[in-house]
C-alpha atoms as a PDB file:
ATOM      1  CA  MET A   1      75.655  38.237  87.905  1.00  0.00           C
ATOM      2  CA  GLU A   2      76.850  41.557  89.432  1.00  0.00           C
ATOM      3  CA  ARG A   3      79.831  41.606  87.274  1.00  0.00           C
ATOM      4  CA  ALA A   4      77.850  40.757  84.125  1.00  0.00           C
ATOM      5  CA  PHE A   5      75.339  43.460  84.889  1.00  0.00           C
ATOM      6  CA  GLN A   6      77.902  46.174  85.454  1.00  0.00           C
ATOM      7  CA  THR A   7      79.887  45.195  82.412  1.00  0.00           C
ATOM      8  CA  ALA A   8      76.875  45.518  80.313  1.00  0.00           C
ATOM      9  CA  LEU A   9      76.059  48.883  81.792  1.00  0.00           C
ATOM     10  CA  TRP A  10      79.763  50.122  81.112  1.00  0.00           C
ATOM     11  CA  LEU A  11      79.632  48.704  77.446  1.00  0.00           C
ATOM     12  CA  LEU A  12      76.080  49.864  76.436  1.00  0.00           C
ATOM     13  CA  ARG A  13      75.443  52.880  78.528  1.00  0.00           C
ATOM     14  CA  PRO A  14      71.774  52.159  78.668  1.00  0.00           C
ATOM     15  CA  GLU A  15      69.193  54.877  79.413  1.00  0.00           C
ATOM     16  CA  ILE A  16      66.673  52.440  80.779  1.00  0.00           C
ATOM     17  CA  VAL A  17      66.888  48.793  82.049  1.00  0.00           C
ATOM     18  CA  PHE A  18      63.875  46.527  82.386  1.00  0.00           C
ATOM     19  CA  ILE A  19      64.190  43.459  84.801  1.00  0.00           C
ATOM     20  CA  LEU A  20      61.067  40.982  84.042  1.00  0.00           C
ATOM     21  CA  GLY A  21      60.416  40.079  87.811  1.00  0.00           C
ATOM     22  CA  ASP A  22      61.842  37.206  90.167  1.00  0.00           C
ATOM     23  CA  ILE A  23      64.647  39.740  91.623  1.00  0.00           C
ATOM     24  CA  PHE A  24      64.320  38.134  94.905  1.00  0.00           C
ATOM     25  CA  ASP A  25      64.417  34.556  95.367  1.00  0.00           C
ATOM     26  CA  GLU A  26      62.380  34.199  98.634  1.00  0.00           C
ATOM     27  CA  GLY A  27      60.497  37.565  98.552  1.00  0.00           C
ATOM     28  CA  LYS A  28      57.267  35.512  99.157  1.00  0.00           C
ATOM     29  CA  TRP A  29      58.588  34.147 102.313  1.00  0.00           C
ATOM     30  CA  SER A  30      60.960  36.772 103.700  1.00  0.00           C
ATOM     31  CA  SER A  31      60.542  38.404 107.022  1.00  0.00           C
ATOM     32  CA  GLN A  32      60.984  42.091 107.187  1.00  0.00           C
ATOM     33  CA  LYS A  33      64.676  41.914 108.284  1.00  0.00           C
ATOM     34  CA  HIS A  34      65.619  39.326 105.373  1.00  0.00           C
ATOM     35  CA  TRP A  35      63.571  41.372 102.971  1.00  0.00           C
ATOM     36  CA  GLU A  36      65.520  44.613 103.928  1.00  0.00           C
ATOM     37  CA  ASP A  37      68.862  42.468 103.626  1.00  0.00           C
ATOM     38  CA  ASP A  38      67.769  41.196 100.145  1.00  0.00           C
ATOM     39  CA  VAL A  39      66.811  44.905  99.035  1.00  0.00           C
ATOM     40  CA  ARG A  40      70.278  46.192 100.050  1.00  0.00           C
ATOM     41  CA  ARG A  41      71.984  43.403  98.343  1.00  0.00           C
ATOM     42  CA  PHE A  42      69.835  44.098  95.014  1.00  0.00           C
ATOM     43  CA  HIS A  43      70.717  47.648  95.112  1.00  0.00           C
ATOM     44  CA  ARG A  44      74.296  46.806  95.355  1.00  0.00           C
ATOM     45  CA  MET A  45      74.371  44.375  92.552  1.00  0.00           C
ATOM     46  CA  PHE A  46      72.403  46.408  90.331  1.00  0.00           C
ATOM     47  CA  ARG A  47      73.745  49.823  91.298  1.00  0.00           C
ATOM     48  CA  HIS A  48      73.551  52.200  88.199  1.00  0.00           C
ATOM     49  CA  SER A  49      74.438  55.858  87.475  1.00  0.00           C
ATOM     50  CA  THR A  50      71.685  58.599  87.524  1.00  0.00           C
ATOM     51  CA  ASP A  51      71.758  58.323  83.359  1.00  0.00           C
ATOM     52  CA  THR A  52      70.245  54.985  83.704  1.00  0.00           C
ATOM     53  CA  GLU A  53      66.624  54.418  84.972  1.00  0.00           C
ATOM     54  CA  LEU A  54      65.968  50.861  86.331  1.00  0.00           C
ATOM     55  CA  VAL A  55      62.475  49.577  86.054  1.00  0.00           C
ATOM     56  CA  VAL A  56      61.469  46.224  87.835  1.00  0.00           C
ATOM     57  CA  LEU A  57      58.420  44.115  87.123  1.00  0.00           C
ATOM     58  CA  VAL A  58      57.023  42.172  89.914  1.00  0.00           C
ATOM     59  CA  GLY A  59      57.281  38.195  89.716  1.00  0.00           C
ATOM     60  CA  ASN A  60      55.912  35.333  91.644  1.00  0.00           C
ATOM     61  CA  HIS A  61      59.192  34.972  93.767  1.00  0.00           C
ATOM     62  CA  ASP A  62      58.785  38.560  94.736  1.00  0.00           C
ATOM     63  CA  ILE A  63      55.184  38.405  96.144  1.00  0.00           C
ATOM     64  CA  GLY A  64      54.368  34.713  95.887  1.00  0.00           C
ATOM     65  CA  PHE A  65      52.008  32.843  93.489  1.00  0.00           C
ATOM     66  CA  HIS A  66      48.410  34.057  93.235  1.00  0.00           C
ATOM     67  CA  TYR A  67      47.446  31.959  96.205  1.00  0.00           C
ATOM     68  CA  GLU A  68      50.282  33.469  98.484  1.00  0.00           C
ATOM     69  CA  MET A  69      50.013  36.981  97.114  1.00  0.00           C
ATOM     70  CA  ASP A  70      48.526  39.794  99.461  1.00  0.00           C
ATOM     71  CA  TRP A  71      48.464  43.391  99.773  1.00  0.00           C
ATOM     72  CA  PHE A  72      51.434  43.650 102.197  1.00  0.00           C
ATOM     73  CA  LYS A  73      53.740  41.734  99.941  1.00  0.00           C
ATOM     74  CA  LEU A  74      52.684  43.748  96.852  1.00  0.00           C
ATOM     75  CA  GLN A  75      52.843  47.084  98.742  1.00  0.00           C
ATOM     76  CA  ARG A  76      56.211  46.361 100.249  1.00  0.00           C
ATOM     77  CA  PHE A  77      57.449  45.508  96.570  1.00  0.00           C
ATOM     78  CA  GLU A  78      55.966  48.723  95.164  1.00  0.00           C
ATOM     79  CA  LYS A  79      57.370  50.908  98.090  1.00  0.00           C
ATOM     80  CA  VAL A  80      60.946  49.761  97.409  1.00  0.00           C
ATOM     81  CA  PHE A  81      60.872  50.590  93.760  1.00  0.00           C
ATOM     82  CA  ASN A  82      58.482  53.675  94.123  1.00  0.00           C
ATOM     83  CA  ALA A  83      56.024  52.660  91.558  1.00  0.00           C
ATOM     84  CA  SER A  84      52.768  50.863  90.860  1.00  0.00           C
ATOM     85  CA  SER A  85      53.177  47.266  89.420  1.00  0.00           C
ATOM     86  CA  THR A  86      50.776  48.071  86.664  1.00  0.00           C
ATOM     87  CA  ARG A  87      51.663  51.038  84.538  1.00  0.00           C
ATOM     88  CA  ILE A  88      52.953  52.612  81.274  1.00  0.00           C
ATOM     89  CA  VAL A  89      56.502  53.811  80.956  1.00  0.00           C
ATOM     90  CA  THR A  90      57.137  56.095  78.098  1.00  0.00           C
ATOM     91  CA  LYS A  91      60.625  56.540  76.543  1.00  0.00           C
ATOM     92  CA  LYS A  92      60.919  58.713  73.541  1.00  0.00           C
ATOM     93  CA  GLY A  93      57.575  57.931  71.992  1.00  0.00           C
ATOM     94  CA  VAL A  94      57.752  54.287  72.871  1.00  0.00           C
ATOM     95  CA  ASN A  95      55.088  52.828  75.205  1.00  0.00           C
ATOM     96  CA  PHE A  96      56.189  50.202  77.649  1.00  0.00           C
ATOM     97  CA  LEU A  97      53.059  48.662  79.265  1.00  0.00           C
ATOM     98  CA  LEU A  98      54.160  47.039  82.511  1.00  0.00           C
ATOM     99  CA  VAL A  99      51.642  44.278  83.774  1.00  0.00           C
ATOM    100  CA  ASN A 100      51.416  42.639  87.088  1.00  0.00           C
ATOM    101  CA  SER A 101      50.733  39.178  85.528  1.00  0.00           C
ATOM    102  CA  VAL A 102      50.756  37.476  89.177  1.00  0.00           C
ATOM    103  CA  ALA A 103      47.232  39.127  89.512  1.00  0.00           C
ATOM    104  CA  LEU A 104      45.697  37.904  86.366  1.00  0.00           C
ATOM    105  CA  HIS A 105      43.954  34.959  87.685  1.00  0.00           C
ATOM    106  CA  GLY A 106      40.399  36.387  87.089  1.00  0.00           C
ATOM    107  CA  ASP A 107      39.141  35.063  90.218  1.00  0.00           C
ATOM    108  CA  GLY A 108      37.817  38.393  91.621  1.00  0.00           C
ATOM    109  CA  CYS A 109      40.479  38.746  94.357  1.00  0.00           C
ATOM    110  CA  PRO A 110      40.976  42.347  95.764  1.00  0.00           C
ATOM    111  CA  ILE A 111      44.401  42.773  94.075  1.00  0.00           C
ATOM    112  CA  CYS A 112      43.128  41.007  90.671  1.00  0.00           C
ATOM    113  CA  GLN A 113      40.087  43.522  90.731  1.00  0.00           C
ATOM    114  CA  SER A 114      42.694  46.506  91.391  1.00  0.00           C
ATOM    115  CA  VAL A 115      44.874  45.384  88.554  1.00  0.00           C
ATOM    116  CA  GLU A 116      42.063  44.636  86.151  1.00  0.00           C
ATOM    117  CA  LYS A 117      40.568  48.158  86.757  1.00  0.00           C
ATOM    118  CA  GLU A 118      43.998  49.795  86.135  1.00  0.00           C
ATOM    119  CA  LEU A 119      44.325  47.774  82.810  1.00  0.00           C
ATOM    120  CA  ILE A 120      41.055  48.909  81.655  1.00  0.00           C
ATOM    121  CA  LYS A 121      41.928  52.589  82.321  1.00  0.00           C
ATOM    122  CA  LEU A 122      45.280  52.263  80.497  1.00  0.00           C
ATOM    123  CA  SER A 123      43.553  50.551  77.631  1.00  0.00           C
ATOM    124  CA  LYS A 124      41.056  53.535  77.429  1.00  0.00           C
ATOM    125  CA  ASP A 125      43.889  56.130  77.618  1.00  0.00           C
ATOM    126  CA  LEU A 126      45.910  54.376  74.810  1.00  0.00           C
ATOM    127  CA  ASN A 127      42.849  54.068  72.703  1.00  0.00           C
ATOM    128  CA  CYS A 128      42.107  57.795  73.083  1.00  0.00           C
ATOM    129  CA  SER A 129      45.712  58.856  72.423  1.00  0.00           C
ATOM    130  CA  LEU A 130      45.514  56.885  69.075  1.00  0.00           C
ATOM    131  CA  GLN A 131      42.096  58.459  68.044  1.00  0.00           C
ATOM    132  CA  SER A 132      43.255  61.950  69.141  1.00  0.00           C
ATOM    133  CA  LEU A 133      45.771  62.002  66.147  1.00  0.00           C
ATOM    134  CA  GLN A 134      43.530  60.582  63.528  1.00  0.00           C
ATOM    135  CA  PRO A 135      42.282  62.914  60.846  1.00  0.00           C
ATOM    136  CA  GLY A 136      39.447  64.945  62.285  1.00  0.00           C
ATOM    137  CA  GLY A 137      40.405  63.866  65.742  1.00  0.00           C
ATOM    138  CA  GLY A 138      40.168  66.070  68.971  1.00  0.00           C
ATOM    139  CA  ALA A 139      37.770  65.651  71.657  1.00  0.00           C
ATOM    140  CA  THR A 140      36.481  62.028  71.453  1.00  0.00           C
ATOM    141  CA  ASP A 141      33.472  60.727  73.481  1.00  0.00           C
ATOM    142  CA  GLY A 142      34.285  59.033  76.553  1.00  0.00           C
ATOM    143  CA  CYS A 143      37.999  60.465  76.403  1.00  0.00           C
ATOM    144  CA  ASP A 144      37.531  63.425  78.765  1.00  0.00           C
ATOM    145  CA  GLY A 145      40.268  63.246  81.279  1.00  0.00           C
ATOM    146  CA  SER A 146      42.087  60.619  79.669  1.00  0.00           C
ATOM    147  CA  GLN A 147      45.987  60.553  79.919  1.00  0.00           C
ATOM    148  CA  LEU A 148      47.456  61.013  76.481  1.00  0.00           C
ATOM    149  CA  PHE A 149      50.290  58.877  75.542  1.00  0.00           C
ATOM    150  CA  PRO A 150      52.482  58.738  72.170  1.00  0.00           C
ATOM    151  CA  PRO A 151      49.996  57.399  69.723  1.00  0.00           C
ATOM    152  CA  SER A 152      51.650  53.956  69.095  1.00  0.00           C
ATOM    153  CA  SER A 153      50.668  50.441  70.102  1.00  0.00           C
ATOM    154  CA  PRO A 154      52.535  49.340  73.331  1.00  0.00           C
ATOM    155  CA  ILE A 155      55.309  47.056  74.009  1.00  0.00           C
ATOM    156  CA  MET A 156      53.868  44.734  76.719  1.00  0.00           C
ATOM    157  CA  LEU A 157      56.232  43.560  79.460  1.00  0.00           C
ATOM    158  CA  GLN A 158      55.224  40.890  82.122  1.00  0.00           C
ATOM    159  CA  HIS A 159      56.611  38.136  84.242  1.00  0.00           C
ATOM    160  CA  TYR A 160      54.440  35.314  83.109  1.00  0.00           C
ATOM    161  CA  PRO A 161      54.271  34.465  79.454  1.00  0.00           C
ATOM    162  CA  LEU A 162      50.883  34.454  77.707  1.00  0.00           C
ATOM    163  CA  TYR A 163      49.228  31.143  77.397  1.00  0.00           C
ATOM    164  CA  ARG A 164      51.005  28.523  75.260  1.00  0.00           C
ATOM    165  CA  VAL A 165      50.581  24.719  75.512  1.00  0.00           C
ATOM    166  CA  SER A 166      54.349  24.001  75.639  1.00  0.00           C
ATOM    167  CA  ASP A 167      57.815  24.987  74.449  1.00  0.00           C
ATOM    168  CA  ALA A 168      57.626  22.414  71.688  1.00  0.00           C
ATOM    169  CA  GLY A 169      57.798  24.944  69.072  1.00  0.00           C
ATOM    170  CA  CYS A 170      60.938  26.720  70.570  1.00  0.00           C
ATOM    171  CA  THR A 171      64.329  26.596  69.012  1.00  0.00           C
ATOM    172  CA  GLY A 172      67.644  28.219  69.484  1.00  0.00           C
ATOM    173  CA  GLN A 173      70.657  27.861  71.881  1.00  0.00           C
ATOM    174  CA  ASP A 174      68.671  29.441  74.708  1.00  0.00           C
ATOM    175  CA  ALA A 175      65.541  27.265  74.429  1.00  0.00           C
ATOM    176  CA  ALA A 176      64.542  24.609  76.860  1.00  0.00           C
ATOM    177  CA  PRO A 177      66.458  21.296  76.702  1.00  0.00           C
ATOM    178  CA  PRO A 178      64.849  19.012  74.199  1.00  0.00           C
ATOM    179  CA  GLU A 179      63.749  16.459  76.845  1.00  0.00           C
ATOM    180  CA  GLU A 180      61.640  19.374  78.518  1.00  0.00           C
ATOM    181  CA  ARG A 181      60.136  21.113  75.394  1.00  0.00           C
ATOM    182  CA  HIS A 182      57.283  18.766  75.241  1.00  0.00           C
ATOM    183  CA  LEU A 183      56.147  18.992  78.867  1.00  0.00           C
ATOM    184  CA  LEU A 184      52.767  20.640  78.965  1.00  0.00           C
ATOM    185  CA  PHE A 185      52.474  24.006  80.820  1.00  0.00           C
ATOM    186  CA  ARG A 186      50.104  24.538  83.614  1.00  0.00           C
ATOM    187  CA  GLU A 187      47.546  27.573  83.140  1.00  0.00           C
ATOM    188  CA  LYS A 188      48.103  30.147  85.984  1.00  0.00           C
ATOM    189  CA  TYR A 189      51.293  28.576  87.159  1.00  0.00           C
ATOM    190  CA  ASP A 190      53.584  28.306  84.095  1.00  0.00           C
ATOM    191  CA  VAL A 191      51.783  30.652  81.984  1.00  0.00           C
ATOM    192  CA  LEU A 192      48.691  32.880  82.191  1.00  0.00           C
ATOM    193  CA  SER A 193      45.317  31.285  81.471  1.00  0.00           C
ATOM    194  CA  LYS A 194      43.799  31.411  78.046  1.00  0.00           C
ATOM    195  CA  GLU A 195      41.183  33.858  79.250  1.00  0.00           C
ATOM    196  CA  ALA A 196      43.585  36.281  80.683  1.00  0.00           C
ATOM    197  CA  SER A 197      45.887  36.144  77.695  1.00  0.00           C
ATOM    198  CA  GLN A 198      42.999  36.864  75.249  1.00  0.00           C
ATOM    199  CA  ARG A 199      41.832  39.749  77.524  1.00  0.00           C
ATOM    200  CA  LEU A 200      45.363  41.456  77.449  1.00  0.00           C
ATOM    201  CA  LEU A 201      45.541  41.057  73.660  1.00  0.00           C
ATOM    202  CA  HIS A 202      42.000  42.420  73.163  1.00  0.00           C
ATOM    203  CA  LEU A 203      42.608  45.379  75.532  1.00  0.00           C
ATOM    204  CA  PHE A 204      46.086  46.452  74.296  1.00  0.00           C
ATOM    205  CA  LYS A 205      46.910  44.757  70.756  1.00  0.00           C
ATOM    206  CA  PRO A 206      50.534  44.895  71.569  1.00  0.00           C
ATOM    207  CA  ARG A 207      53.028  45.022  68.907  1.00  0.00           C
ATOM    208  CA  LEU A 208      55.363  42.880  70.962  1.00  0.00           C
ATOM    209  CA  ILE A 209      55.053  40.926  74.285  1.00  0.00           C
ATOM    210  CA  LEU A 210      58.266  40.286  76.443  1.00  0.00           C
ATOM    211  CA  SER A 211      58.053  37.917  79.293  1.00  0.00           C
ATOM    212  CA  GLY A 212      60.084  35.680  81.633  1.00  0.00           C
ATOM    213  CA  HIS A 213      59.392  33.030  84.095  1.00  0.00           C
ATOM    214  CA  THR A 214      60.236  29.854  82.212  1.00  0.00           C
ATOM    215  CA  HIS A 215      63.985  30.557  82.381  1.00  0.00           C
ATOM    216  CA  SER A 216      64.375  29.571  78.528  1.00  0.00           C
ATOM    217  CA  GLY A 217      64.040  31.417  75.430  1.00  0.00           C
ATOM    218  CA  CYS A 218      61.122  30.964  73.134  1.00  0.00           C
ATOM    219  CA  GLU A 219      59.371  33.145  70.162  1.00  0.00           C
ATOM    220  CA  VAL A 220      55.574  32.539  69.792  1.00  0.00           C
ATOM    221  CA  LEU A 221      53.118  34.334  67.381  1.00  0.00           C
ATOM    222  CA  HIS A 222      49.727  34.720  68.976  1.00  0.00           C
ATOM    223  CA  ASP A 223      46.567  34.776  66.899  1.00  0.00           C
ATOM    224  CA  ASN A 224      49.018  35.170  63.906  1.00  0.00           C
ATOM    225  CA  LYS A 225      49.691  38.943  64.592  1.00  0.00           C
ATOM    226  CA  TYR A 226      50.915  39.424  68.326  1.00  0.00           C
ATOM    227  CA  PRO A 227      54.621  38.240  68.703  1.00  0.00           C
ATOM    228  CA  GLU A 228      55.848  37.289  72.099  1.00  0.00           C
ATOM    229  CA  ILE A 229      59.495  36.648  73.193  1.00  0.00           C
ATOM    230  CA  SER A 230      60.227  34.814  76.390  1.00  0.00           C
ATOM    231  CA  VAL A 231      63.583  36.112  77.632  1.00  0.00           C
ATOM    232  CA  PRO A 232      65.818  33.584  79.326  1.00  0.00           C
ATOM    233  CA  SER A 233      67.202  33.848  82.922  1.00  0.00           C
ATOM    234  CA  PHE A 234      70.044  36.294  83.345  1.00  0.00           C
ATOM    235  CA  SER A 235      71.431  34.192  86.252  1.00  0.00           C
ATOM    236  CA  TRP A 236      73.882  31.169  85.868  1.00  0.00           C
ATOM    237  CA  ARG A 237      72.073  29.498  88.714  1.00  0.00           C
ATOM    238  CA  ASN A 238      69.064  28.929  86.253  1.00  0.00           C
ATOM    239  CA  ARG A 239      71.009  28.072  82.957  1.00  0.00           C
ATOM    240  CA  ASN A 240      74.472  27.651  81.597  1.00  0.00           C
ATOM    241  CA  ASN A 241      74.153  30.442  79.022  1.00  0.00           C
ATOM    242  CA  PRO A 242      72.162  33.372  80.443  1.00  0.00           C
ATOM    243  CA  SER A 243      71.563  36.248  78.049  1.00  0.00           C
ATOM    244  CA  PHE A 244      69.706  39.494  77.756  1.00  0.00           C
ATOM    245  CA  ILE A 245      67.905  41.535  74.962  1.00  0.00           C
ATOM    246  CA  LEU A 246      69.185  44.579  73.395  1.00  0.00           C
ATOM    247  CA  VAL A 247      67.094  47.205  71.531  1.00  0.00           C
ATOM    248  CA  SER A 248      68.047  50.780  69.883  1.00  0.00           C
ATOM    249  CA  ASN A 249      65.534  53.372  69.312  1.00  0.00           C
ATOM    250  CA  ASN A 250      65.690  55.581  66.157  1.00  0.00           C
ATOM    251  CA  THR A 251      62.698  57.676  66.691  1.00  0.00           C
ATOM    252  CA  ALA A 252      61.319  59.778  69.537  1.00  0.00           C
ATOM    253  CA  TRP A 253      58.190  61.936  70.011  1.00  0.00           C
ATOM    254  CA  LYS A 254      58.392  65.619  70.945  1.00  0.00           C
ATOM    255  CA  ASP A 255      55.607  67.579  72.451  1.00  0.00           C
ATOM    256  CA  SER A 256      54.293  70.301  69.997  1.00  0.00           C
ATOM    257  CA  PRO A 257      51.530  72.929  70.619  1.00  0.00           C
ATOM    258  CA  LYS A 258      49.274  70.585  68.163  1.00  0.00           C
ATOM    259  CA  HIS A 259      50.213  67.010  69.146  1.00  0.00           C
ATOM    260  CA  ARG A 260      53.549  65.283  69.071  1.00  0.00           C
ATOM    261  CA  GLU A 261      55.906  65.603  66.294  1.00  0.00           C
ATOM    262  CA  ASP A 262      58.333  62.893  64.897  1.00  0.00           C
ATOM    263  CA  VAL A 263      61.862  63.708  65.710  1.00  0.00           C
ATOM    264  CA  GLN A 264      65.146  61.702  65.162  1.00  0.00           C
ATOM    265  CA  ASN A 265      66.852  60.463  68.279  1.00  0.00           C
ATOM    266  CA  THR A 266      68.492  57.264  69.158  1.00  0.00           C
ATOM    267  CA  PHE A 267      68.590  55.050  72.319  1.00  0.00           C
ATOM    268  CA  THR A 268      69.280  51.353  73.259  1.00  0.00           C
ATOM    269  CA  LEU A 269      67.218  49.107  75.246  1.00  0.00           C
ATOM    270  CA  THR A 270      67.922  45.857  76.882  1.00  0.00           C
ATOM    271  CA  ILE A 271      65.827  43.107  78.461  1.00  0.00           C
ATOM    272  CA  LEU A 272      66.811  41.772  81.224  1.00  0.00           C
ATOM    273  CA  LEU A 273      66.156  44.959  78.902  1.00  0.00           C
ATOM    274  CA  LEU A 274      68.497  47.681  78.287  1.00  0.00           C
ATOM    275  CA  VAL A 275      67.832  50.875  76.389  1.00  0.00           C
ATOM    276  CA  SER A 276      70.594  53.544  75.708  1.00  0.00           C
ATOM    277  CA  SER A 277      71.423  56.343  73.480  1.00  0.00           C
ATOM    278  CA  PHE A 278      74.785  54.867  72.760  1.00  0.00           C
ATOM    279  CA  SER A 279      74.950  52.737  69.532  1.00  0.00           C
ATOM    280  CA  PRO A 280      76.766  49.595  70.275  1.00  0.00           C
ATOM    281  CA  PRO A 281      79.380  48.091  67.892  1.00  0.00           C
ATOM    282  CA  PRO A 282      78.383  45.230  65.785  1.00  0.00           C
ATOM    283  CA  PRO A 283      77.264  42.461  66.168  1.00  0.00           C
ATOM    284  CA  PRO A 284      74.339  43.775  68.082  1.00  0.00           C
ATOM    285  CA  GLN A 285      72.129  45.625  65.649  1.00  0.00           C
ATOM    286  CA  ALA A 286      68.639  46.518  66.870  1.00  0.00           C
ATOM    287  CA  SER A 287      66.133  49.372  66.818  1.00  0.00           C
ATOM    288  CA  VAL A 288      62.722  50.143  68.174  1.00  0.00           C
ATOM    289  CA  SER A 289      60.549  53.079  67.135  1.00  0.00           C
ATOM    290  CA  PRO A 290      56.992  54.024  67.760  1.00  0.00           C
ATOM    291  CA  ASP A 291      55.967  51.998  64.775  1.00  0.00           C
ATOM    292  CA  SER A 292      58.699  49.096  64.427  1.00  0.00           C
ATOM    293  CA  TYR A 293      61.470  47.415  66.268  1.00  0.00           C
ATOM    294  CA  THR A 294      64.284  44.983  65.818  1.00  0.00           C
ATOM    295  CA  LEU A 295      66.035  42.984  68.614  1.00  0.00           C
ATOM    296  CA  SER A 296      69.360  41.496  69.386  1.00  0.00           C
ATOM    297  CA  LYS A 297      70.048  38.861  72.030  1.00  0.00           C
ATOM    298  CA  CYS A 298      73.385  39.180  73.881  1.00  0.00           C
ATOM    299  CA  PHE A 299      74.876  36.034  75.665  1.00  0.00           C
ATOM    300  CA  LEU A 300      76.948  35.921  78.677  1.00  0.00           C
ATOM    301  CA  PRO A 301      79.869  33.622  78.824  1.00  0.00           C
ATOM    302  CA  GLU A 302      78.714  30.152  79.542  1.00  0.00           C
ATOM    303  CA  GLU A 303      79.163  29.205  83.300  1.00  0.00           C
ATOM    304  CA  SER A 304      81.160  25.964  82.237  1.00  0.00           C
ATOM    305  CA  THR A 305      83.501  28.147  80.284  1.00  0.00           C
ATOM    306  CA  VAL A 306      84.032  30.541  83.131  1.00  0.00           C
ATOM    307  CA  ILE A 307      84.556  27.601  85.536  1.00  0.00           C
ATOM    308  CA  GLY A 308      87.055  26.087  83.106  1.00  0.00           C
ATOM    309  CA  VAL A 309      88.964  29.133  82.714  1.00  0.00           C
ATOM    310  CA  TYR A 310      89.175  29.515  86.505  1.00  0.00           C
ATOM    311  CA  CYS A 311      90.272  25.878  86.915  1.00  0.00           C
ATOM    312  CA  SER A 312      92.924  26.204  84.092  1.00  0.00           C
ATOM    313  CA  ALA A 313      94.253  29.453  85.629  1.00  0.00           C
ATOM    314  CA  GLY A 314      94.317  27.912  88.975  1.00  0.00           C
ATOM    315  CA  ALA A 315      96.224  24.748  87.554  1.00  0.00           C
ATOM    316  CA  CYS A 316      98.687  27.023  85.700  1.00  0.00           C
ATOM    317  CA  LEU A 317      99.335  29.039  88.863  1.00  0.00           C
ATOM    318  CA  MET A 318     100.157  25.780  90.956  1.00  0.00           C
ATOM    319  CA  LEU A 319     102.388  24.426  88.192  1.00  0.00           C
ATOM    320  CA  LEU A 320     104.185  27.957  88.199  1.00  0.00           C
ATOM    321  CA  VAL A 321     104.463  27.857  92.020  1.00  0.00           C
ATOM    322  CA  LEU A 322     105.674  24.140  91.951  1.00  0.00           C
ATOM    323  CA  ALA A 323     108.261  25.023  89.304  1.00  0.00           C
ATOM    324  CA  HIS A 324     109.524  27.870  91.287  1.00  0.00           C
ATOM    325  CA  CYS A 325     109.833  25.721  94.432  1.00  0.00           C
ATOM    326  CA  MET A 326     111.612  23.022  92.462  1.00  0.00           C
ATOM    327  CA  TRP A 327     113.997  25.722  91.122  1.00  0.00           C
ATOM    328  CA  ILE A 328     114.488  27.186  94.493  1.00  0.00           C
ATOM    329  CA  LYS A 329     115.187  23.587  95.829  1.00  0.00           C
ATOM    330  CA  GLY A 330     117.756  22.779  93.027  1.00  0.00           C
ATOM    331  CA  LEU A 331     119.625  26.227  93.663  1.00  0.00           C
ATOM    332  CA  LEU A 332     119.887  25.451  97.421  1.00  0.00           C
ATOM    333  CA  GLN A 333     121.307  21.830  96.455  1.00  0.00           C
ATOM    334  CA  CYS A 334     123.714  23.290  94.194  1.00  0.00           C
ATOM    335  CA  SER A 335     124.799  25.969  96.705  1.00  0.00           C
ATOM    336  CA  SER A 336     125.219  23.260  99.161  1.00  0.00           C
ATOM    337  CA  LEU A 337     127.365  20.993  96.973  1.00  0.00           C
ATOM    338  CA  CYS A 338     129.629  23.945  96.144  1.00  0.00           C
ATOM    339  CA  LEU A 339     130.026  24.737  99.905  1.00  0.00           C
ATOM    340  CA  LEU A 340     130.737  21.172 100.717  1.00  0.00           C
ATOM    341  CA  GLY A 341     133.563  20.973  97.967  1.00  0.00           C
ATOM    342  CA  LYS A 342     135.342  24.122  99.341  1.00  0.00           C
ATOM    343  CA  HIS A 343     135.064  22.636 102.834  1.00  0.00           C
ATOM    344  CA  LYS A 344     136.762  19.319 101.659  1.00  0.00           C
ATOM    345  CA  SER A 345     139.508  21.139  99.872  1.00  0.00           C
ATOM    346  CA  LEU A 346     140.381  22.892 102.942  1.00  0.00           C
END
């Protein structure tokens, strides 16, 4: 995983990388010492230059499932990454809404109430931002003190997928195995509940949802207008063909005395997710702007292929060593026979 991540950074030179949660396998159980060891290991594996921003979302393996989650685990996670688990990250006019989906069970728990309150505030800020640029826009009722973002619908990122019955409609080489696609998902465990999913769609009307958790790829269209892509695992531990998503941005927003002006710029984004100003060579062709997007999926070498290459290389090396030993043995035997013949002639 470390080698794959570092290679992707080297090839794509991303400006920003999003990881959709579950970065720690046992974060929900870790003692403080084990937690600190895991954090050091994470920073070593996912090291990056100052030109790249790394944004990490929270997953159930980081703070536990809803029934295991508490303030200590959540604040410990937020302290490591110096950011709230629910917020908006803006990059060149594109709003990325980061959602703590572990806390969206709607049962009134203190963390759930806090996340719900923050989501309502962010929804209001985005709506006010959109209204402020409409003809005749300006001061809008109820928008005093709101934080203004670029006037575009957000791309929503979260660990849990929105509600769907199963992966029966999912296809592609990164989809779940055929024998698993018809297994029914459990609400609040495999996917968000119907109520939480509809609430998010109603509050933000996202133009794209990116999620993880299931370890398999899937594309779903909610309410016939909200597309969601479940991103497969980036780890060979979870699947034979890990992958990440690449996005390149062609448009940015620039502050002006009036509002924000449309200016030309480029950057690339990858899920895991990578975002960079480097235009990668074909075949990946992708773009995202405040109004549109295209995505490319980049696959790592299959684990079986890697193991096969290592085994073949090891076998070739052993054959070379064996051949070399046989050659040395033959040479010694030849030398011995020559010396024996000279001794007899004397």
